[in-house]
Amino acid sequence: MNTPIVEIDTADWQLAGRPEWTAAVEDGRVLYFPRLAFEVLPAERALLREGMLSPKARNVSLGADGVLKGAGGSAAEQAQLAAMVGRFRQQALQLIDGLLPEYRGLLRAAPTSFRPRQVETRKQSVRADDQRLHVDAFPTRPNYGERILRVFANVNPDGVPRVWRVGDSFEAVARQFLPRAKPYRRWQARALNALHVTKSLRSEYDHLMLQLHDGMKFDEQYQKSGAQVTVPFAAGSVWVCYSDQATHAVMSGQFMMEQTLYLPPGHEADPQASPLAILTRLVGRPLVGVGAGVAR
């Protein structure tokens, strides 16, 4: 198992990227910035409490339209929180623009999230439990190989790390779990689409990604003894990875900012290192139909 963490020693959100950093993140490794802190202003520190999350929400999110969803607190606090999350979004986009210049003009930003809930106290089903090693895949929104690039910042005010487990390479995981995958049935994909279970027709690629995701999470032996390292991401640090490729589990921590960015398939610096290319090689046939597109 190769070292899955690449440390980059900088405290500057604006930096000049290097080809080896792009190669590392496209290899499924995590870029870790131990000294790159997102600054929570003194007036914002009162927002770092679990009560800033609405009881029925999993995370707080800020859309590109400036609308804040899932937040608790007063109207004034929500306005403060929207400003804080918006500031993180600007810094995260600035970081990626310099860190991975190959993607300029290609990335699409998802809503930005604030996650105040303590990881250890969440009660979830096995399939939804992110404390189990997995790669990200969407059950309702087929993405046809679109990449999921994420920027995380630990803003815990008490110095508590956010602890991950990071596992083996995507190809190693795929070789282990693909033989157990249920076969793709196009009629089933059509039925799911017709019933609006999925937002568009699920491709074989999306089916296999879900099979990997579920296969990993339900395999107790793999969770306990599969190749993995424990990584405490310190408070006041940032990390970046492709969450559809980096095998990961979130074990503990509280108070995090997150920005997701989507990259169209085939626009990586090395498209042959992508999950789509790896699965295509292993299966031996195209996994995404001609003319397939991502449902928005």
C-alpha atoms as a PDB file:
ATOM      1  CA  MET A   1       0.000   0.000   0.000  1.00  0.00           C
ATOM      2  CA  ASN A   2       1.501   3.331  -1.088  1.00  0.00           C
ATOM      3  CA  THR A   3       1.474   6.278   1.323  1.00  0.00           C
ATOM      4  CA  PRO A   4      -2.014   7.713   0.808  1.00  0.00           C
ATOM      5  CA  ILE A   5      -1.253  11.163   2.288  1.00  0.00           C
ATOM      6  CA  VAL A   6       0.810  13.884   0.600  1.00  0.00           C
ATOM      7  CA  GLU A   7       1.663  16.761   2.949  1.00  0.00           C
ATOM      8  CA  ILE A   8       2.024  20.254   1.491  1.00  0.00           C
ATOM      9  CA  ASP A   9       3.624  22.750   3.847  1.00  0.00           C
ATOM     10  CA  THR A  10       1.980  26.091   3.202  1.00  0.00           C
ATOM     11  CA  ALA A  11      -0.200  28.556   5.092  1.00  0.00           C
ATOM     12  CA  ASP A  12      -1.195  30.414   1.926  1.00  0.00           C
ATOM     13  CA  TRP A  13      -4.532  29.797   0.196  1.00  0.00           C
ATOM     14  CA  GLN A  14      -3.018  31.108  -3.032  1.00  0.00           C
ATOM     15  CA  LEU A  15      -0.224  28.912  -4.323  1.00  0.00           C
ATOM     16  CA  ALA A  16       1.306  27.675  -7.558  1.00  0.00           C
ATOM     17  CA  GLY A  17       0.450  24.069  -8.354  1.00  0.00           C
ATOM     18  CA  ARG A  18       2.908  21.329  -9.245  1.00  0.00           C
ATOM     19  CA  PRO A  19       2.298  18.439 -11.657  1.00  0.00           C
ATOM     20  CA  GLU A  20       3.130  15.917  -8.941  1.00  0.00           C
ATOM     21  CA  TRP A  21       0.285  17.246  -6.770  1.00  0.00           C
ATOM     22  CA  THR A  22      -2.200  16.777  -9.577  1.00  0.00           C
ATOM     23  CA  ALA A  23      -0.815  13.299 -10.236  1.00  0.00           C
ATOM     24  CA  ALA A  24      -1.133  12.420  -6.548  1.00  0.00           C
ATOM     25  CA  VAL A  25      -4.762  13.517  -6.195  1.00  0.00           C
ATOM     26  CA  GLU A  26      -5.622  11.730  -9.465  1.00  0.00           C
ATOM     27  CA  ASP A  27      -3.995   8.612  -8.020  1.00  0.00           C
ATOM     28  CA  GLY A  28      -6.532   8.694  -5.203  1.00  0.00           C
ATOM     29  CA  ARG A  29      -4.251  10.167  -2.573  1.00  0.00           C
ATOM     30  CA  VAL A  30      -5.174  12.914  -0.107  1.00  0.00           C
ATOM     31  CA  LEU A  31      -3.376  16.264  -0.239  1.00  0.00           C
ATOM     32  CA  TYR A  32      -2.969  17.470   3.348  1.00  0.00           C
ATOM     33  CA  PHE A  33      -2.191  21.056   4.349  1.00  0.00           C
ATOM     34  CA  PRO A  34      -1.414  20.918   8.085  1.00  0.00           C
ATOM     35  CA  ARG A  35      -0.777  24.683   8.373  1.00  0.00           C
ATOM     36  CA  LEU A  36      -3.524  25.974   6.079  1.00  0.00           C
ATOM     37  CA  ALA A  37      -6.219  27.239   8.445  1.00  0.00           C
ATOM     38  CA  PHE A  38      -9.577  28.732   7.600  1.00  0.00           C
ATOM     39  CA  GLU A  39      -9.908  31.697   9.931  1.00  0.00           C
ATOM     40  CA  VAL A  40     -13.089  31.855  11.978  1.00  0.00           C
ATOM     41  CA  LEU A  41     -13.515  35.484  13.038  1.00  0.00           C
ATOM     42  CA  PRO A  42     -14.017  36.270  16.748  1.00  0.00           C
ATOM     43  CA  ALA A  43     -17.630  37.325  16.110  1.00  0.00           C
ATOM     44  CA  GLU A  44     -18.268  33.970  14.373  1.00  0.00           C
ATOM     45  CA  ARG A  45     -17.015  31.675  17.122  1.00  0.00           C
ATOM     46  CA  ALA A  46     -20.455  31.467  18.729  1.00  0.00           C
ATOM     47  CA  LEU A  47     -21.635  29.812  15.495  1.00  0.00           C
ATOM     48  CA  LEU A  48     -19.475  26.770  16.236  1.00  0.00           C
ATOM     49  CA  ARG A  49     -22.149  24.861  18.084  1.00  0.00           C
ATOM     50  CA  GLU A  50     -24.356  21.947  17.096  1.00  0.00           C
ATOM     51  CA  GLY A  51     -27.456  24.098  17.554  1.00  0.00           C
ATOM     52  CA  MET A  52     -26.596  25.924  14.334  1.00  0.00           C
ATOM     53  CA  LEU A  53     -27.870  22.832  12.536  1.00  0.00           C
ATOM     54  CA  SER A  54     -31.606  22.402  12.026  1.00  0.00           C
ATOM     55  CA  PRO A  55     -32.814  19.251  13.872  1.00  0.00           C
ATOM     56  CA  LYS A  56     -33.927  17.574  10.630  1.00  0.00           C
ATOM     57  CA  ALA A  57     -30.829  18.470   8.569  1.00  0.00           C
ATOM     58  CA  ARG A  58     -27.618  16.516   8.147  1.00  0.00           C
ATOM     59  CA  ASN A  59     -25.497  19.559   7.201  1.00  0.00           C
ATOM     60  CA  VAL A  60     -25.867  23.276   6.643  1.00  0.00           C
ATOM     61  CA  SER A  61     -25.410  24.227   2.980  1.00  0.00           C
ATOM     62  CA  LEU A  62     -24.975  27.491   1.105  1.00  0.00           C
ATOM     63  CA  GLY A  63     -25.996  27.499  -2.555  1.00  0.00           C
ATOM     64  CA  ALA A  64     -24.460  29.585  -5.309  1.00  0.00           C
ATOM     65  CA  ASP A  65     -27.595  31.747  -5.063  1.00  0.00           C
ATOM     66  CA  GLY A  66     -26.667  32.674  -1.489  1.00  0.00           C
ATOM     67  CA  VAL A  67     -29.553  30.707   0.041  1.00  0.00           C
ATOM     68  CA  LEU A  68     -28.654  28.977   3.304  1.00  0.00           C
ATOM     69  CA  LYS A  69     -30.365  25.652   4.011  1.00  0.00           C
ATOM     70  CA  GLY A  70     -30.416  23.398   7.047  1.00  0.00           C
ATOM     71  CA  ALA A  71     -29.383  26.074   9.542  1.00  0.00           C
ATOM     72  CA  GLY A  72     -30.635  26.621  13.077  1.00  0.00           C
ATOM     73  CA  GLY A  73     -30.079  29.671  15.235  1.00  0.00           C
ATOM     74  CA  SER A  74     -31.546  33.149  14.905  1.00  0.00           C
ATOM     75  CA  ALA A  75     -31.962  35.067  11.663  1.00  0.00           C
ATOM     76  CA  ALA A  76     -28.962  37.224  12.570  1.00  0.00           C
ATOM     77  CA  GLU A  77     -26.841  34.150  13.277  1.00  0.00           C
ATOM     78  CA  GLN A  78     -27.892  32.566  10.011  1.00  0.00           C
ATOM     79  CA  ALA A  79     -26.785  35.707   8.148  1.00  0.00           C
ATOM     80  CA  GLN A  80     -23.426  35.520   9.937  1.00  0.00           C
ATOM     81  CA  LEU A  81     -23.137  31.823   9.105  1.00  0.00           C
ATOM     82  CA  ALA A  82     -23.920  32.439   5.424  1.00  0.00           C
ATOM     83  CA  ALA A  83     -21.122  35.019   5.313  1.00  0.00           C
ATOM     84  CA  MET A  84     -18.666  32.629   6.968  1.00  0.00           C
ATOM     85  CA  VAL A  85     -19.532  29.709   4.670  1.00  0.00           C
ATOM     86  CA  GLY A  86     -19.373  32.029   1.647  1.00  0.00           C
ATOM     87  CA  ARG A  87     -15.914  33.196   2.677  1.00  0.00           C
ATOM     88  CA  PHE A  88     -14.758  29.588   2.916  1.00  0.00           C
ATOM     89  CA  ARG A  89     -16.126  28.899  -0.563  1.00  0.00           C
ATOM     90  CA  GLN A  90     -14.114  31.773  -2.019  1.00  0.00           C
ATOM     91  CA  GLN A  91     -10.933  30.539  -0.340  1.00  0.00           C
ATOM     92  CA  ALA A  92     -11.523  26.911  -1.362  1.00  0.00           C
ATOM     93  CA  LEU A  93     -12.041  27.917  -4.996  1.00  0.00           C
ATOM     94  CA  GLN A  94      -8.925  30.071  -4.846  1.00  0.00           C
ATOM     95  CA  LEU A  95      -6.952  27.143  -3.425  1.00  0.00           C
ATOM     96  CA  ILE A  96      -8.039  24.725  -6.153  1.00  0.00           C
ATOM     97  CA  ASP A  97      -7.430  27.287  -8.908  1.00  0.00           C
ATOM     98  CA  GLY A  98      -3.778  27.514  -7.893  1.00  0.00           C
ATOM     99  CA  LEU A  99      -3.269  23.953  -6.681  1.00  0.00           C
ATOM    100  CA  LEU A 100      -4.746  22.227  -9.754  1.00  0.00           C
ATOM    101  CA  PRO A 101      -4.405  24.700 -12.645  1.00  0.00           C
ATOM    102  CA  GLU A 102      -5.143  21.947 -15.180  1.00  0.00           C
ATOM    103  CA  TYR A 103      -8.813  22.195 -14.205  1.00  0.00           C
ATOM    104  CA  ARG A 104      -9.298  25.941 -14.700  1.00  0.00           C
ATOM    105  CA  GLY A 105     -12.560  26.705 -16.423  1.00  0.00           C
ATOM    106  CA  LEU A 106     -13.743  23.103 -16.146  1.00  0.00           C
ATOM    107  CA  LEU A 107     -14.998  22.748 -12.579  1.00  0.00           C
ATOM    108  CA  ARG A 108     -18.590  23.163 -11.417  1.00  0.00           C
ATOM    109  CA  ALA A 109     -19.134  24.080  -7.780  1.00  0.00           C
ATOM    110  CA  ALA A 110     -21.724  22.354  -5.615  1.00  0.00           C
ATOM    111  CA  PRO A 111     -23.258  24.042  -2.549  1.00  0.00           C
ATOM    112  CA  THR A 112     -20.777  24.660   0.260  1.00  0.00           C
ATOM    113  CA  SER A 113     -21.405  22.903   3.558  1.00  0.00           C
ATOM    114  CA  PHE A 114     -20.838  23.520   7.251  1.00  0.00           C
ATOM    115  CA  ARG A 115     -20.910  20.340   9.337  1.00  0.00           C
ATOM    116  CA  PRO A 116     -21.307  21.056  13.054  1.00  0.00           C
ATOM    117  CA  ARG A 117     -22.490  17.611  14.142  1.00  0.00           C
ATOM    118  CA  GLN A 118     -20.196  15.282  16.075  1.00  0.00           C
ATOM    119  CA  VAL A 119     -19.358  12.304  13.874  1.00  0.00           C
ATOM    120  CA  GLU A 120     -19.305   9.760  16.690  1.00  0.00           C
ATOM    121  CA  THR A 121     -22.918  10.424  17.755  1.00  0.00           C
ATOM    122  CA  ARG A 122     -24.550  10.073  14.324  1.00  0.00           C
ATOM    123  CA  LYS A 123     -26.863   7.083  13.997  1.00  0.00           C
ATOM    124  CA  GLN A 124     -27.024   5.770  10.435  1.00  0.00           C
ATOM    125  CA  SER A 125     -27.700   2.610   8.467  1.00  0.00           C
ATOM    126  CA  VAL A 126     -24.734   0.556   7.296  1.00  0.00           C
ATOM    127  CA  ARG A 127     -25.154   1.890   3.758  1.00  0.00           C
ATOM    128  CA  ALA A 128     -25.173   5.514   4.940  1.00  0.00           C
ATOM    129  CA  ASP A 129     -22.519   5.115   7.639  1.00  0.00           C
ATOM    130  CA  ASP A 130     -19.472   7.117   6.627  1.00  0.00           C
ATOM    131  CA  GLN A 131     -17.476   5.619   9.503  1.00  0.00           C
ATOM    132  CA  ARG A 132     -17.062   2.604   7.198  1.00  0.00           C
ATOM    133  CA  LEU A 133     -14.429   2.600   4.455  1.00  0.00           C
ATOM    134  CA  HIS A 134     -15.981   3.487   1.106  1.00  0.00           C
ATOM    135  CA  VAL A 135     -15.703   5.485  -2.091  1.00  0.00           C
ATOM    136  CA  ASP A 136     -18.423   8.018  -2.810  1.00  0.00           C
ATOM    137  CA  ALA A 137     -21.213   7.121  -5.224  1.00  0.00           C
ATOM    138  CA  PHE A 138     -24.667   8.612  -5.727  1.00  0.00           C
ATOM    139  CA  PRO A 139     -27.654   6.226  -5.584  1.00  0.00           C
ATOM    140  CA  THR A 140     -30.142   8.720  -7.046  1.00  0.00           C
ATOM    141  CA  ARG A 141     -27.995  10.879  -9.332  1.00  0.00           C
ATOM    142  CA  PRO A 142     -25.991   8.977 -11.950  1.00  0.00           C
ATOM    143  CA  ASN A 143     -22.861  10.923 -12.894  1.00  0.00           C
ATOM    144  CA  TYR A 144     -21.383   8.867 -15.779  1.00  0.00           C
ATOM    145  CA  GLY A 145     -17.824   9.279 -14.525  1.00  0.00           C
ATOM    146  CA  GLU A 146     -18.001  12.909 -13.458  1.00  0.00           C
ATOM    147  CA  ARG A 147     -15.378  13.405 -10.744  1.00  0.00           C
ATOM    148  CA  ILE A 148     -16.072  14.431  -7.132  1.00  0.00           C
ATOM    149  CA  LEU A 149     -13.299  16.741  -5.907  1.00  0.00           C
ATOM    150  CA  ARG A 150     -13.604  17.904  -2.309  1.00  0.00           C
ATOM    151  CA  VAL A 151     -11.921  20.505  -0.101  1.00  0.00           C
ATOM    152  CA  PHE A 152     -12.258  20.035   3.674  1.00  0.00           C
ATOM    153  CA  ALA A 153     -11.285  22.326   6.551  1.00  0.00           C
ATOM    154  CA  ASN A 154     -11.291  21.364  10.229  1.00  0.00           C
ATOM    155  CA  VAL A 155     -12.500  24.446  12.145  1.00  0.00           C
ATOM    156  CA  ASN A 156     -12.896  22.787  15.541  1.00  0.00           C
ATOM    157  CA  PRO A 157     -12.448  25.531  18.181  1.00  0.00           C
ATOM    158  CA  ASP A 158     -11.155  23.119  20.836  1.00  0.00           C
ATOM    159  CA  GLY A 159      -8.270  21.697  18.816  1.00  0.00           C
ATOM    160  CA  VAL A 160      -9.982  18.332  18.229  1.00  0.00           C
ATOM    161  CA  PRO A 161      -8.754  16.562  15.068  1.00  0.00           C
ATOM    162  CA  ARG A 162     -11.063  15.102  12.442  1.00  0.00           C
ATOM    163  CA  VAL A 163      -9.964  11.488  12.215  1.00  0.00           C
ATOM    164  CA  TRP A 164     -10.174   9.539   8.963  1.00  0.00           C
ATOM    165  CA  ARG A 165      -9.175   6.077   7.904  1.00  0.00           C
ATOM    166  CA  VAL A 166      -7.693   6.052   4.410  1.00  0.00           C
ATOM    167  CA  GLY A 167      -7.562   2.743   2.584  1.00  0.00           C
ATOM    168  CA  ASP A 168      -5.915   1.054  -0.369  1.00  0.00           C
ATOM    169  CA  SER A 169      -5.871   2.290  -3.964  1.00  0.00           C
ATOM    170  CA  PHE A 170      -9.063   2.360  -6.007  1.00  0.00           C
ATOM    171  CA  GLU A 171      -7.775  -0.310  -8.362  1.00  0.00           C
ATOM    172  CA  ALA A 172      -6.880  -2.645  -5.487  1.00  0.00           C
ATOM    173  CA  VAL A 173     -10.357  -2.168  -4.016  1.00  0.00           C
ATOM    174  CA  ALA A 174     -12.021  -2.654  -7.404  1.00  0.00           C
ATOM    175  CA  ARG A 175     -10.116  -5.894  -8.017  1.00  0.00           C
ATOM    176  CA  GLN A 176     -11.253  -7.171  -4.620  1.00  0.00           C
ATOM    177  CA  PHE A 177     -14.933  -6.229  -4.835  1.00  0.00           C
ATOM    178  CA  LEU A 178     -15.828  -6.318  -8.539  1.00  0.00           C
ATOM    179  CA  PRO A 179     -16.068 -10.138  -8.632  1.00  0.00           C
ATOM    180  CA  ARG A 180     -18.859  -9.881  -6.031  1.00  0.00           C
ATOM    181  CA  ALA A 181     -20.809  -7.166  -7.855  1.00  0.00           C
ATOM    182  CA  LYS A 182     -24.307  -7.934  -9.066  1.00  0.00           C
ATOM    183  CA  PRO A 183     -24.573  -7.703 -12.872  1.00  0.00           C
ATOM    184  CA  TYR A 184     -25.925  -4.535 -14.432  1.00  0.00           C
ATOM    185  CA  ARG A 185     -29.411  -4.883 -15.917  1.00  0.00           C
ATOM    186  CA  ARG A 186     -30.487  -2.126 -18.254  1.00  0.00           C
ATOM    187  CA  TRP A 187     -34.183  -2.924 -17.688  1.00  0.00           C
ATOM    188  CA  GLN A 188     -33.668  -2.340 -13.969  1.00  0.00           C
ATOM    189  CA  ALA A 189     -31.984   0.988 -14.691  1.00  0.00           C
ATOM    190  CA  ARG A 190     -34.921   1.969 -16.914  1.00  0.00           C
ATOM    191  CA  ALA A 191     -37.397   0.973 -14.197  1.00  0.00           C
ATOM    192  CA  LEU A 192     -35.582   3.028 -11.558  1.00  0.00           C
ATOM    193  CA  ASN A 193     -35.579   6.007 -13.897  1.00  0.00           C
ATOM    194  CA  ALA A 194     -39.272   5.581 -14.784  1.00  0.00           C
ATOM    195  CA  LEU A 195     -40.154   5.441 -11.076  1.00  0.00           C
ATOM    196  CA  HIS A 196     -38.031   8.577 -10.454  1.00  0.00           C
ATOM    197  CA  VAL A 197     -35.804   6.694  -8.038  1.00  0.00           C
ATOM    198  CA  THR A 198     -32.906   8.013 -10.151  1.00  0.00           C
ATOM    199  CA  LYS A 199     -32.772  11.412 -11.826  1.00  0.00           C
ATOM    200  CA  SER A 200     -31.509   9.900 -15.085  1.00  0.00           C
ATOM    201  CA  LEU A 201     -30.732   6.460 -16.468  1.00  0.00           C
ATOM    202  CA  ARG A 202     -28.161   4.696 -14.296  1.00  0.00           C
ATOM    203  CA  SER A 203     -25.145   3.652 -16.372  1.00  0.00           C
ATOM    204  CA  GLU A 204     -23.159   0.488 -15.789  1.00  0.00           C
ATOM    205  CA  TYR A 205     -20.390   2.680 -14.365  1.00  0.00           C
ATOM    206  CA  ASP A 206     -22.758   4.148 -11.767  1.00  0.00           C
ATOM    207  CA  HIS A 207     -24.077   0.674 -10.967  1.00  0.00           C
ATOM    208  CA  LEU A 208     -20.568  -0.671 -10.367  1.00  0.00           C
ATOM    209  CA  MET A 209     -19.574   2.329  -8.231  1.00  0.00           C
ATOM    210  CA  LEU A 210     -22.598   1.702  -6.021  1.00  0.00           C
ATOM    211  CA  GLN A 211     -21.716  -1.985  -5.863  1.00  0.00           C
ATOM    212  CA  LEU A 212     -18.200  -1.086  -4.688  1.00  0.00           C
ATOM    213  CA  HIS A 213     -19.556   1.422  -2.174  1.00  0.00           C
ATOM    214  CA  ASP A 214     -22.027  -1.056  -0.692  1.00  0.00           C
ATOM    215  CA  GLY A 215     -19.718  -4.061  -0.925  1.00  0.00           C
ATOM    216  CA  MET A 216     -17.031  -2.295   1.062  1.00  0.00           C
ATOM    217  CA  LYS A 217     -19.398  -1.005   3.730  1.00  0.00           C
ATOM    218  CA  PHE A 218     -21.112  -4.345   4.321  1.00  0.00           C
ATOM    219  CA  ASP A 219     -17.866  -6.358   4.502  1.00  0.00           C
ATOM    220  CA  GLU A 220     -17.041  -6.488   8.222  1.00  0.00           C
ATOM    221  CA  GLN A 221     -13.749  -8.302   7.670  1.00  0.00           C
ATOM    222  CA  TYR A 222     -12.600  -5.700   5.156  1.00  0.00           C
ATOM    223  CA  GLN A 223     -13.538  -2.867   7.508  1.00  0.00           C
ATOM    224  CA  LYS A 224     -11.443  -4.395  10.285  1.00  0.00           C
ATOM    225  CA  SER A 225      -8.432  -5.761   8.452  1.00  0.00           C
ATOM    226  CA  GLY A 226      -8.305  -4.193   4.974  1.00  0.00           C
ATOM    227  CA  ALA A 227      -5.216  -2.123   4.130  1.00  0.00           C
ATOM    228  CA  GLN A 228      -5.662   1.257   5.796  1.00  0.00           C
ATOM    229  CA  VAL A 229      -4.051   3.993   7.850  1.00  0.00           C
ATOM    230  CA  THR A 230      -5.574   6.267  10.482  1.00  0.00           C
ATOM    231  CA  VAL A 231      -5.062   9.971   9.780  1.00  0.00           C
ATOM    232  CA  PRO A 232      -5.916  12.733  12.294  1.00  0.00           C
ATOM    233  CA  PHE A 233      -6.491  15.949  10.346  1.00  0.00           C
ATOM    234  CA  ALA A 234      -5.629  18.640  12.872  1.00  0.00           C
ATOM    235  CA  ALA A 235      -7.850  21.544  13.807  1.00  0.00           C
ATOM    236  CA  GLY A 236      -6.733  24.452  11.637  1.00  0.00           C
ATOM    237  CA  SER A 237      -5.853  22.256   8.653  1.00  0.00           C
ATOM    238  CA  VAL A 238      -7.195  21.573   5.147  1.00  0.00           C
ATOM    239  CA  TRP A 239      -7.225  18.468   2.947  1.00  0.00           C
ATOM    240  CA  VAL A 240      -8.227  17.771  -0.650  1.00  0.00           C
ATOM    241  CA  CYS A 241      -9.139  14.540  -2.414  1.00  0.00           C
ATOM    242  CA  TYR A 242     -11.275  12.887  -5.048  1.00  0.00           C
ATOM    243  CA  SER A 243     -13.833  11.246  -2.765  1.00  0.00           C
ATOM    244  CA  ASP A 244     -14.990   8.938  -5.586  1.00  0.00           C
ATOM    245  CA  GLN A 245     -11.469   7.493  -5.703  1.00  0.00           C
ATOM    246  CA  ALA A 246      -9.834   7.885  -2.281  1.00  0.00           C
ATOM    247  CA  THR A 247     -10.975   5.025  -0.058  1.00  0.00           C
ATOM    248  CA  HIS A 248     -11.952   6.750   3.176  1.00  0.00           C
ATOM    249  CA  ALA A 249     -13.949   6.603   6.385  1.00  0.00           C
ATOM    250  CA  VAL A 250     -14.724   9.487   8.759  1.00  0.00           C
ATOM    251  CA  MET A 251     -14.267   8.223  12.299  1.00  0.00           C
ATOM    252  CA  SER A 252     -14.539  11.237  14.606  1.00  0.00           C
ATOM    253  CA  GLY A 253     -14.515  15.004  14.842  1.00  0.00           C
ATOM    254  CA  GLN A 254     -16.844  17.987  14.876  1.00  0.00           C
ATOM    255  CA  PHE A 255     -17.099  21.313  13.041  1.00  0.00           C
ATOM    256  CA  MET A 256     -15.923  21.117   9.446  1.00  0.00           C
ATOM    257  CA  MET A 257     -16.289  23.172   6.263  1.00  0.00           C
ATOM    258  CA  GLU A 258     -16.536  21.387   2.908  1.00  0.00           C
ATOM    259  CA  GLN A 259     -16.599  22.398  -0.740  1.00  0.00           C
ATOM    260  CA  THR A 260     -17.408  19.927  -3.525  1.00  0.00           C
ATOM    261  CA  LEU A 261     -16.379  20.558  -7.123  1.00  0.00           C
ATOM    262  CA  TYR A 262     -17.322  18.426 -10.134  1.00  0.00           C
ATOM    263  CA  LEU A 263     -14.962  17.759 -13.042  1.00  0.00           C
ATOM    264  CA  PRO A 264     -16.363  16.390 -16.324  1.00  0.00           C
ATOM    265  CA  PRO A 265     -15.092  12.875 -17.127  1.00  0.00           C
ATOM    266  CA  GLY A 266     -12.058  12.731 -19.357  1.00  0.00           C
ATOM    267  CA  HIS A 267     -10.753  16.164 -18.313  1.00  0.00           C
ATOM    268  CA  GLU A 268      -8.261  14.887 -15.760  1.00  0.00           C
ATOM    269  CA  ALA A 269      -4.580  15.477 -16.440  1.00  0.00           C
ATOM    270  CA  ASP A 270      -4.383  11.683 -16.755  1.00  0.00           C
ATOM    271  CA  PRO A 271      -7.838  10.332 -17.630  1.00  0.00           C
ATOM    272  CA  GLN A 272      -6.482   6.775 -17.552  1.00  0.00           C
ATOM    273  CA  ALA A 273      -6.035   7.044 -13.778  1.00  0.00           C
ATOM    274  CA  SER A 274      -9.740   7.756 -13.189  1.00  0.00           C
ATOM    275  CA  PRO A 275     -12.222   5.290 -11.666  1.00  0.00           C
ATOM    276  CA  LEU A 276     -14.092   5.212 -14.992  1.00  0.00           C
ATOM    277  CA  ALA A 277     -10.943   4.204 -16.884  1.00  0.00           C
ATOM    278  CA  ILE A 278      -9.898   1.685 -14.231  1.00  0.00           C
ATOM    279  CA  LEU A 279     -13.289  -0.021 -14.140  1.00  0.00           C
ATOM    280  CA  THR A 280     -13.512   0.006 -17.948  1.00  0.00           C
ATOM    281  CA  ARG A 281     -10.154  -1.778 -18.167  1.00  0.00           C
ATOM    282  CA  LEU A 282     -11.085  -4.326 -15.525  1.00  0.00           C
ATOM    283  CA  VAL A 283     -14.498  -5.095 -17.025  1.00  0.00           C
ATOM    284  CA  GLY A 284     -13.274  -4.957 -20.629  1.00  0.00           C
ATOM    285  CA  ARG A 285     -16.104  -2.936 -22.176  1.00  0.00           C
ATOM    286  CA  PRO A 286     -17.465   0.632 -22.234  1.00  0.00           C
ATOM    287  CA  LEU A 287     -19.437   1.414 -19.086  1.00  0.00           C
ATOM    288  CA  VAL A 288     -21.058   4.687 -20.115  1.00  0.00           C
ATOM    289  CA  GLY A 289     -23.406   4.896 -23.100  1.00  0.00           C
ATOM    290  CA  VAL A 290     -22.803   7.284 -25.967  1.00  0.00           C
ATOM    291  CA  GLY A 291     -24.521  10.597 -25.362  1.00  0.00           C
ATOM    292  CA  ALA A 292     -24.989  10.037 -21.622  1.00  0.00           C
ATOM    293  CA  GLY A 293     -25.117  13.167 -19.552  1.00  0.00           C
ATOM    294  CA  VAL A 294     -25.223  14.110 -15.898  1.00  0.00           C
ATOM    295  CA  ALA A 295     -28.583  14.958 -14.343  1.00  0.00           C
ATOM    296  CA  ARG A 296     -28.508  18.346 -12.639  1.00  0.00           C
END
